[in-house]
Amino acid sequence: PPVCPFICLCLLHGSLATGNRISCSDNRMQQLHAPCRCTTTSPIENIQQIVFSNSYYSFLLLTAKAEAVPAESQTAKADAAASVDELFEGQSFCSYHGHTVDVLDLSWSKNYFLLSSSMDKTVRLWHISRRECLCCFQHVDFVTAIAFHPRDDRYFLSGSLDGKLRLWNIPDKRVALWNEIEGSSKGVSNLITAANFCLNGKYAVVGTYDGRCLFYDTEHLKYHTQIHARSTRGKNAKGRKVTGIEPMAGENKVLVTSNDSRLRLYDLKDHSLTCKYKGCANSSSQIRAAFNHDGRFIVCGSEDHHCYMWRTYHDLSKFSSGLRRDRSDYYERFKVGTAVVTAAVFAPVPGLFAGQGIREVSGEVILTADYAGSIKVFSSISSNGEPS
């Protein structure tokens, strides 16, 4: 059984083998008819993240604990998986080995390149057509966040616990630009915990341990501005760790997830708070929220074993005049299992889940993963095609 993390590429109809790795699966799944019907693969230990590729037909499952799995345990899990609807092929399409300890983040490029970062202080580059690591980018501390440039995948962004933001040139295999995050107390608030690009690559954004989001001009990686994701008063006024930064497609907005159990949508035109979303529990996990394909809905995992969904914008006509535009306490949720839901994402093209070929279905499809290693697929179908 494997002890080190590795990347595993799998096709559909069957079960994923257990072990610590990143798994990539072709997304031609069976159509889900019943609302909130779920199908679970065999467990994979401590899944932290699900990332869809730009192909719309693949997704990645990120695990984060290096443990050997006994052969008899694998057999038992395979037998259990046979009793449920099979969504994955039983054999991996390919596996990528390289990292020596836990994998922390992933990023797809538009040309099917894949980046993985790890606690072994490296970022590794892979491609779907090759089995070996194409390049290894060494850092001096844990690499907590990575992101391909959205317009030019010769470059990628990395954030590390050494407090440095780096823009790498892949063909030259070197750092093209870098900047160091300044903090009020060295070694604490300058820790980078999230990173991404926004406005189609115009700015690089990093989140910090003390709740700040710092924006840098990508061309020169010069400081531009910052937003402090915190409440104006109360226990969350100090600012908590930023766990996710998600740009909103087609809008000058960015969604920030943090460890005060809040999601905040900011307008990048004036850096004002557009809306704050409440409901989920996220006090210590690296849980991040995500938009659906058209930005109308938001989904997020939770430490209370549920998956939460919000409308991005209120339909004010359905509420009393006292409703605040910048607050959203209205959410929908469903129970996922008995473990922390570490990842939840909408399928990028709703309804492309079928057993034989591709058949469209109405409504949204959500994939969740939890700390117990369960992967589940939920389909919520209504007459108007909105989550119910």
Protein backbone atom coordinates (compact mmCIF):
# COMPACT_ATOMS: atom_id res chain seq x y z
CA PRO A 1 0.00 0.00 0.00
CA PRO A 2 1.21 3.54 -0.75
CA VAL A 3 2.59 5.65 2.08
CA CYS A 4 3.44 8.84 0.17
CA PRO A 5 1.00 11.19 -1.60
CA PHE A 6 0.49 10.65 -5.29
CA ILE A 7 -1.79 11.80 -8.07
CA CYS A 8 -4.23 9.26 -9.44
CA LEU A 9 -6.16 9.72 -12.69
CA CYS A 10 -9.33 7.61 -12.84
CA LEU A 11 -12.19 7.00 -15.27
CA LEU A 12 -15.81 6.62 -14.25
CA HIS A 13 -17.95 3.60 -13.20
CA GLY A 14 -16.27 1.89 -10.27
CA SER A 15 -14.48 2.86 -7.11
CA LEU A 16 -11.34 4.80 -6.41
CA ALA A 17 -8.56 2.91 -4.67
CA THR A 18 -7.68 4.14 -1.21
CA GLY A 19 -4.47 5.88 -0.25
CA ASN A 20 -3.09 9.38 0.13
CA ARG A 21 -3.04 11.15 -3.22
CA ILE A 22 -4.75 13.49 -5.59
CA SER A 23 -7.26 11.69 -7.79
CA CYS A 24 -8.56 12.91 -11.12
CA SER A 25 -11.72 11.42 -12.60
CA ASP A 26 -13.50 11.71 -15.92
CA ASN A 27 -16.92 13.25 -15.25
CA ARG A 28 -19.24 11.10 -17.44
CA MET A 29 -21.43 10.05 -14.56
CA GLN A 30 -24.80 8.40 -14.27
CA GLN A 31 -27.73 10.77 -14.24
CA LEU A 32 -29.05 11.44 -10.74
CA HIS A 33 -32.84 11.62 -10.75
CA ALA A 34 -33.92 12.01 -7.13
CA PRO A 35 -33.38 15.28 -5.29
CA CYS A 36 -30.32 15.13 -3.01
CA ARG A 37 -29.60 11.56 -4.02
CA CYS A 38 -25.97 10.69 -3.30
CA THR A 39 -23.55 8.01 -4.36
CA THR A 40 -20.36 7.39 -2.38
CA THR A 41 -17.09 5.97 -3.61
CA SER A 42 -14.83 3.92 -1.38
CA PRO A 43 -13.19 6.18 1.23
CA ILE A 44 -10.03 8.13 0.54
CA GLU A 45 -8.36 9.43 3.69
CA ASN A 46 -8.85 13.07 4.70
CA ILE A 47 -9.97 14.70 1.45
CA GLN A 48 -9.38 18.44 1.57
CA GLN A 49 -10.36 19.81 -1.82
CA ILE A 50 -12.13 19.13 -5.14
CA VAL A 51 -10.93 21.09 -8.16
CA PHE A 52 -12.52 20.88 -11.62
CA SER A 53 -10.34 21.18 -14.70
CA ASN A 54 -11.23 23.50 -17.55
CA SER A 55 -12.35 20.56 -19.68
CA TYR A 56 -15.65 20.34 -17.72
CA TYR A 57 -15.26 16.56 -17.76
CA SER A 58 -12.61 16.06 -15.09
CA PHE A 59 -12.19 16.81 -11.42
CA LEU A 60 -9.50 16.39 -8.83
CA LEU A 61 -9.79 15.02 -5.33
CA LEU A 62 -7.12 16.23 -2.97
CA THR A 63 -6.16 14.21 0.09
CA ALA A 64 -3.93 15.38 2.90
CA LYS A 65 -2.64 12.59 5.09
CA ALA A 66 0.07 10.07 4.28
CA GLU A 67 -0.99 6.74 5.73
CA ALA A 68 -0.53 3.15 4.61
CA VAL A 69 -3.80 1.28 4.03
CA PRO A 70 -3.85 -2.46 4.84
CA ALA A 71 -4.64 -4.72 1.91
CA GLU A 72 -7.58 -6.29 3.73
CA SER A 73 -9.01 -2.83 4.37
CA GLN A 74 -8.83 -2.04 0.66
CA THR A 75 -10.66 -5.28 -0.15
CA ALA A 76 -13.42 -4.55 2.34
CA LYS A 77 -13.90 -1.04 0.97
CA ALA A 78 -14.02 -2.34 -2.60
CA ASP A 79 -16.72 -4.84 -1.60
CA ALA A 80 -18.72 -2.08 0.06
CA ALA A 81 -18.42 0.13 -3.01
CA ALA A 82 -19.90 -2.61 -5.19
CA SER A 83 -23.18 -2.35 -3.27
CA VAL A 84 -23.83 1.24 -4.36
CA ASP A 85 -24.22 2.86 -7.75
CA GLU A 86 -20.80 2.87 -9.38
CA LEU A 87 -19.55 6.21 -10.65
CA PHE A 88 -15.88 5.47 -11.24
CA GLU A 89 -13.84 2.88 -13.06
CA GLY A 90 -12.16 0.40 -10.77
CA GLN A 91 -8.68 0.97 -12.17
CA SER A 92 -6.76 4.23 -12.25
CA PHE A 93 -6.11 5.79 -15.63
CA CYS A 94 -2.70 6.95 -14.36
CA SER A 95 -0.92 7.83 -11.11
CA TYR A 96 1.56 10.61 -10.41
CA HIS A 97 4.15 10.08 -7.66
CA GLY A 98 6.55 12.66 -6.30
CA HIS A 99 5.61 14.48 -3.10
CA THR A 100 6.97 12.97 0.09
CA VAL A 101 4.45 14.43 2.56
CA ASP A 102 0.97 15.95 2.59
CA VAL A 103 -0.37 17.73 -0.50
CA LEU A 104 -1.88 21.15 0.27
CA ASP A 105 -3.20 22.67 -2.96
CA LEU A 106 -3.86 22.06 -6.68
CA SER A 107 -4.29 24.13 -9.80
CA TRP A 108 -5.30 23.20 -13.36
CA SER A 109 -4.17 25.22 -16.38
CA LYS A 110 -6.22 25.78 -19.52
CA ASN A 111 -3.86 23.41 -21.40
CA TYR A 112 -4.21 20.45 -19.02
CA PHE A 113 -1.12 21.14 -16.95
CA LEU A 114 -1.47 20.47 -13.25
CA LEU A 115 0.34 22.02 -10.30
CA SER A 116 0.48 20.45 -6.84
CA SER A 117 1.97 22.01 -3.70
CA SER A 118 3.02 20.21 -0.55
CA MET A 119 4.40 20.33 2.94
CA ASP A 120 7.63 18.98 1.44
CA LYS A 121 8.30 22.62 0.40
CA THR A 122 7.93 21.97 -3.32
CA VAL A 123 5.55 22.67 -6.18
CA ARG A 124 5.43 19.98 -8.87
CA LEU A 125 4.30 20.33 -12.46
CA TRP A 126 2.46 17.54 -14.28
CA HIS A 127 0.59 17.03 -17.53
CA ILE A 128 -2.27 14.69 -18.31
CA SER A 129 -0.28 13.09 -21.16
CA ARG A 130 2.84 12.31 -19.09
CA ARG A 131 3.37 10.06 -16.09
CA GLU A 132 6.51 11.70 -14.71
CA CYS A 133 6.93 15.04 -12.94
CA LEU A 134 7.86 17.68 -15.51
CA CYS A 135 9.47 20.11 -13.10
CA CYS A 136 9.97 20.67 -9.37
CA PHE A 137 10.01 24.20 -7.92
CA GLN A 138 11.76 24.35 -4.55
CA HIS A 139 10.65 26.65 -1.71
CA VAL A 140 12.01 27.30 1.77
CA ASP A 141 8.79 26.54 3.65
CA PHE A 142 5.39 24.85 3.23
CA VAL A 143 3.65 25.95 0.01
CA THR A 144 0.06 26.60 1.06
CA ALA A 145 -1.41 28.05 -2.14
CA ILE A 146 -0.82 27.92 -5.89
CA ALA A 147 -2.63 29.27 -8.96
CA PHE A 148 -1.93 29.22 -12.69
CA HIS A 149 -2.14 32.57 -14.46
CA PRO A 150 -5.61 32.51 -16.10
CA ARG A 151 -4.38 33.88 -19.45
CA ASP A 152 -0.82 32.57 -19.70
CA ASP A 153 -0.05 29.19 -18.15
CA ARG A 154 3.68 29.73 -18.53
CA TYR A 155 3.37 31.50 -15.19
CA PHE A 156 1.98 30.54 -11.82
CA LEU A 157 1.62 32.10 -8.38
CA SER A 158 2.77 30.46 -5.16
CA GLY A 159 2.24 31.49 -1.56
CA SER A 160 4.35 30.05 1.24
CA LEU A 161 4.55 30.16 5.01
CA ASP A 162 7.81 32.10 4.67
CA GLY A 163 5.62 35.12 3.90
CA LYS A 164 6.77 35.45 0.28
CA LEU A 165 4.55 35.66 -2.79
CA ARG A 166 6.29 34.37 -5.91
CA LEU A 167 5.41 34.57 -9.59
CA TRP A 168 7.21 31.71 -11.36
CA ASN A 169 8.28 31.50 -14.99
CA ILE A 170 7.84 27.82 -15.89
CA PRO A 171 9.93 27.68 -19.12
CA ASP A 172 12.85 29.42 -17.35
CA LYS A 173 12.28 27.37 -14.17
CA ARG A 174 12.86 30.39 -11.97
CA VAL A 175 11.11 33.09 -9.96
CA ALA A 176 10.24 35.98 -12.28
CA LEU A 177 8.93 38.30 -9.54
CA TRP A 178 8.46 38.13 -5.81
CA ASN A 179 7.28 40.23 -2.90
CA GLU A 180 7.22 39.75 0.85
CA ILE A 181 4.09 40.15 2.93
CA GLU A 182 4.46 42.60 5.76
CA GLY A 183 2.76 41.83 9.06
CA SER A 184 2.26 43.42 12.41
CA SER A 185 4.13 40.58 14.14
CA LYS A 186 6.70 38.55 12.26
CA GLY A 187 5.91 34.86 11.82
CA VAL A 188 2.18 35.20 12.47
CA SER A 189 0.19 37.68 10.40
CA ASN A 190 2.53 37.49 7.40
CA LEU A 191 1.77 33.79 6.89
CA ILE A 192 0.17 33.25 3.48
CA THR A 193 -2.83 30.91 3.72
CA ALA A 194 -4.57 31.47 0.35
CA ALA A 195 -3.74 32.90 -3.08
CA ASN A 196 -5.38 33.45 -6.44
CA PHE A 197 -5.64 35.77 -9.44
CA CYS A 198 -8.56 38.12 -10.02
CA LEU A 199 -9.82 40.35 -12.83
CA ASN A 200 -8.53 37.84 -15.38
CA GLY A 201 -4.99 37.99 -14.08
CA LYS A 202 -4.67 41.75 -13.58
CA TYR A 203 -4.09 41.33 -9.85
CA ALA A 204 -2.62 38.63 -7.66
CA VAL A 205 -4.38 38.24 -4.30
CA VAL A 206 -3.10 36.58 -1.14
CA GLY A 207 -4.93 35.84 2.09
CA THR A 208 -3.12 35.89 5.42
CA TYR A 209 -3.40 34.26 8.82
CA ASP A 210 -4.77 37.45 10.38
CA GLY A 211 -7.61 37.88 7.86
CA ARG A 212 -6.12 40.30 5.35
CA CYS A 213 -6.43 40.07 1.56
CA LEU A 214 -3.56 41.87 -0.17
CA PHE A 215 -3.71 42.80 -3.85
CA TYR A 216 -0.62 43.06 -6.06
CA ASP A 217 -0.28 44.32 -9.62
CA THR A 218 0.63 41.13 -11.52
CA GLU A 219 2.84 42.86 -14.10
CA HIS A 220 5.37 44.01 -11.50
CA LEU A 221 4.03 42.26 -8.37
CA LYS A 222 3.85 45.64 -6.63
CA TYR A 223 1.51 46.23 -3.71
CA HIS A 224 -1.83 47.75 -4.78
CA THR A 225 -4.26 47.68 -1.87
CA GLN A 226 -5.70 45.44 0.84
CA ILE A 227 -8.98 44.39 2.40
CA HIS A 228 -9.32 43.19 5.98
CA ALA A 229 -11.95 40.43 6.07
CA ARG A 230 -13.30 40.96 9.56
CA SER A 231 -16.33 42.19 11.45
CA THR A 232 -16.57 45.76 12.70
CA ARG A 233 -17.16 44.61 16.29
CA GLY A 234 -17.44 41.50 18.43
CA LYS A 235 -15.26 38.41 18.61
CA ASN A 236 -14.52 38.48 14.87
CA ALA A 237 -13.25 42.07 14.81
CA LYS A 238 -9.62 40.95 15.03
CA GLY A 239 -9.65 38.97 11.79
CA ARG A 240 -9.25 35.24 11.28
CA LYS A 241 -7.32 33.09 8.80
CA VAL A 242 -8.34 33.44 5.15
CA THR A 243 -8.98 29.95 3.75
CA GLY A 244 -10.19 30.72 0.24
CA ILE A 245 -10.20 33.47 -2.41
CA GLU A 246 -12.57 32.94 -5.34
CA PRO A 247 -12.99 35.48 -8.17
CA MET A 248 -16.50 35.86 -9.56
CA ALA A 249 -16.54 35.21 -13.31
CA GLY A 250 -17.64 38.20 -15.37
CA GLU A 251 -17.83 40.49 -12.33
CA ASN A 252 -15.40 42.79 -10.51
CA LYS A 253 -15.98 40.86 -7.31
CA VAL A 254 -14.11 38.36 -5.17
CA LEU A 255 -15.43 35.90 -2.56
CA VAL A 256 -13.34 35.45 0.61
CA THR A 257 -13.76 32.51 3.01
CA SER A 258 -12.28 32.79 6.51
CA ASN A 259 -12.10 30.97 9.83
CA ASP A 260 -14.72 33.17 11.49
CA SER A 261 -17.38 31.04 9.73
CA ARG A 262 -18.17 33.85 7.29
CA LEU A 263 -18.07 34.32 3.54
CA ARG A 264 -17.62 37.87 2.26
CA LEU A 265 -18.21 39.17 -1.26
CA TYR A 266 -16.21 42.32 -2.05
CA ASP A 267 -16.60 44.76 -4.93
CA LEU A 268 -13.15 45.42 -6.40
CA LYS A 269 -14.21 48.77 -7.88
CA ASP A 270 -14.25 50.44 -4.46
CA HIS A 271 -13.24 47.49 -2.21
CA SER A 272 -16.55 47.68 -0.39
CA LEU A 273 -18.37 44.75 1.19
CA THR A 274 -21.20 43.67 -1.10
CA CYS A 275 -22.57 40.90 1.11
CA LYS A 276 -21.63 38.73 4.08
CA TYR A 277 -22.94 35.17 4.21
CA LYS A 278 -23.53 33.33 7.48
CA GLY A 279 -24.58 29.81 8.42
CA CYS A 280 -21.69 27.39 7.92
CA ALA A 281 -19.20 26.44 10.64
CA ASN A 282 -15.55 27.01 9.72
CA SER A 283 -13.41 27.86 12.74
CA SER A 284 -10.26 25.82 12.11
CA SER A 285 -10.53 23.99 8.76
CA GLN A 286 -9.15 24.97 5.35
CA ILE A 287 -12.67 25.06 3.86
CA ARG A 288 -13.29 27.34 0.88
CA ALA A 289 -16.50 28.44 -0.82
CA ALA A 290 -17.19 28.32 -4.57
CA PHE A 291 -19.63 29.77 -7.10
CA ASN A 292 -21.78 27.76 -9.45
CA HIS A 293 -21.19 28.08 -13.21
CA ASP A 294 -23.09 31.36 -13.64
CA GLY A 295 -22.36 32.92 -10.25
CA ARG A 296 -25.94 32.89 -8.99
CA PHE A 297 -25.27 30.50 -6.12
CA ILE A 298 -22.52 29.82 -3.59
CA VAL A 299 -21.70 26.48 -1.98
CA CYS A 300 -19.48 25.70 0.99
CA GLY A 301 -18.62 22.76 3.23
CA SER A 302 -18.91 22.98 6.99
CA GLU A 303 -17.53 21.56 10.22
CA ASP A 304 -21.07 20.64 11.34
CA HIS A 305 -21.24 17.87 8.68
CA HIS A 306 -23.55 19.83 6.36
CA CYS A 307 -23.24 21.43 2.93
CA TYR A 308 -24.51 25.04 2.72
CA MET A 309 -25.84 27.02 -0.23
CA TRP A 310 -26.70 30.70 -0.62
CA ARG A 311 -28.06 32.90 -3.37
CA THR A 312 -25.35 35.35 -4.34
CA TYR A 313 -27.83 38.21 -4.44
CA HIS A 314 -31.09 38.69 -2.56
CA ASP A 315 -34.41 38.78 -4.39
CA LEU A 316 -35.56 41.76 -2.33
CA SER A 317 -39.12 41.58 -3.65
CA LYS A 318 -39.68 38.39 -1.60
CA PHE A 319 -38.64 39.93 1.72
CA SER A 320 -39.76 42.73 3.99
CA SER A 321 -38.30 46.20 3.65
CA GLY A 322 -36.08 45.64 6.71
CA LEU A 323 -33.76 43.20 4.90
CA ARG A 324 -30.15 44.37 4.66
CA ARG A 325 -28.59 44.15 1.23
CA ASP A 326 -25.13 43.43 2.66
CA ARG A 327 -26.12 40.52 4.93
CA SER A 328 -27.37 37.05 4.06
CA ASP A 329 -28.57 34.83 6.87
CA TYR A 330 -30.77 32.88 4.45
CA TYR A 331 -29.30 29.60 3.32
CA GLU A 332 -30.17 26.04 2.39
CA ARG A 333 -28.28 23.08 3.76
CA PHE A 334 -28.33 19.28 3.74
CA LYS A 335 -26.62 16.66 5.86
CA VAL A 336 -23.69 15.02 4.09
CA GLY A 337 -22.44 12.49 6.64
CA THR A 338 -20.82 12.22 10.05
CA ALA A 339 -17.54 14.02 9.34
CA VAL A 340 -16.39 17.56 8.57
CA VAL A 341 -17.31 18.47 4.98
CA THR A 342 -13.94 19.77 3.80
CA ALA A 343 -14.87 20.41 0.16
CA ALA A 344 -18.01 21.22 -1.82
CA VAL A 345 -18.24 22.37 -5.45
CA PHE A 346 -20.89 22.77 -8.14
CA ALA A 347 -20.38 20.84 -11.35
CA PRO A 348 -19.18 23.46 -13.90
CA VAL A 349 -21.76 22.29 -16.47
CA PRO A 350 -24.97 21.26 -14.67
CA GLY A 351 -26.38 17.88 -15.56
CA LEU A 352 -23.44 16.34 -17.40
CA PHE A 353 -23.63 13.18 -15.29
CA ALA A 354 -24.60 10.09 -17.23
CA GLY A 355 -23.85 6.40 -17.40
CA GLN A 356 -23.67 5.97 -21.15
CA GLY A 357 -22.82 9.12 -23.07
CA ILE A 358 -23.83 12.60 -21.93
CA ARG A 359 -27.47 13.36 -21.12
CA GLU A 360 -28.51 16.77 -19.84
CA VAL A 361 -30.57 17.05 -16.66
CA SER A 362 -32.10 20.12 -15.08
CA GLY A 363 -30.91 21.51 -11.76
CA GLU A 364 -27.48 21.72 -10.15
CA VAL A 365 -25.05 18.92 -9.30
CA ILE A 366 -22.84 19.21 -6.20
CA LEU A 367 -19.82 17.13 -5.26
CA THR A 368 -18.75 16.94 -1.63
CA ALA A 369 -15.82 15.34 0.15
CA ASP A 370 -15.22 14.97 3.87
CA TYR A 371 -12.51 14.28 6.41
CA ALA A 372 -13.58 10.64 6.66
CA GLY A 373 -12.68 10.17 3.00
CA SER A 374 -16.19 9.94 1.52
CA ILE A 375 -16.94 11.41 -1.91
CA LYS A 376 -20.61 12.09 -2.60
CA VAL A 377 -22.59 13.41 -5.55
CA PHE A 378 -25.84 15.30 -4.95
CA SER A 379 -28.36 16.32 -7.57
CA SER A 380 -31.11 18.73 -6.58
CA ILE A 381 -33.69 19.04 -9.33
CA SER A 382 -36.65 21.40 -9.55
CA SER A 383 -38.98 22.50 -12.31
CA ASN A 384 -37.23 25.84 -12.83
CA GLY A 385 -33.71 24.37 -12.75
CA GLU A 386 -32.71 26.03 -9.48
CA PRO A 387 -31.40 24.23 -6.37
CA SER A 388 -34.31 23.07 -4.23
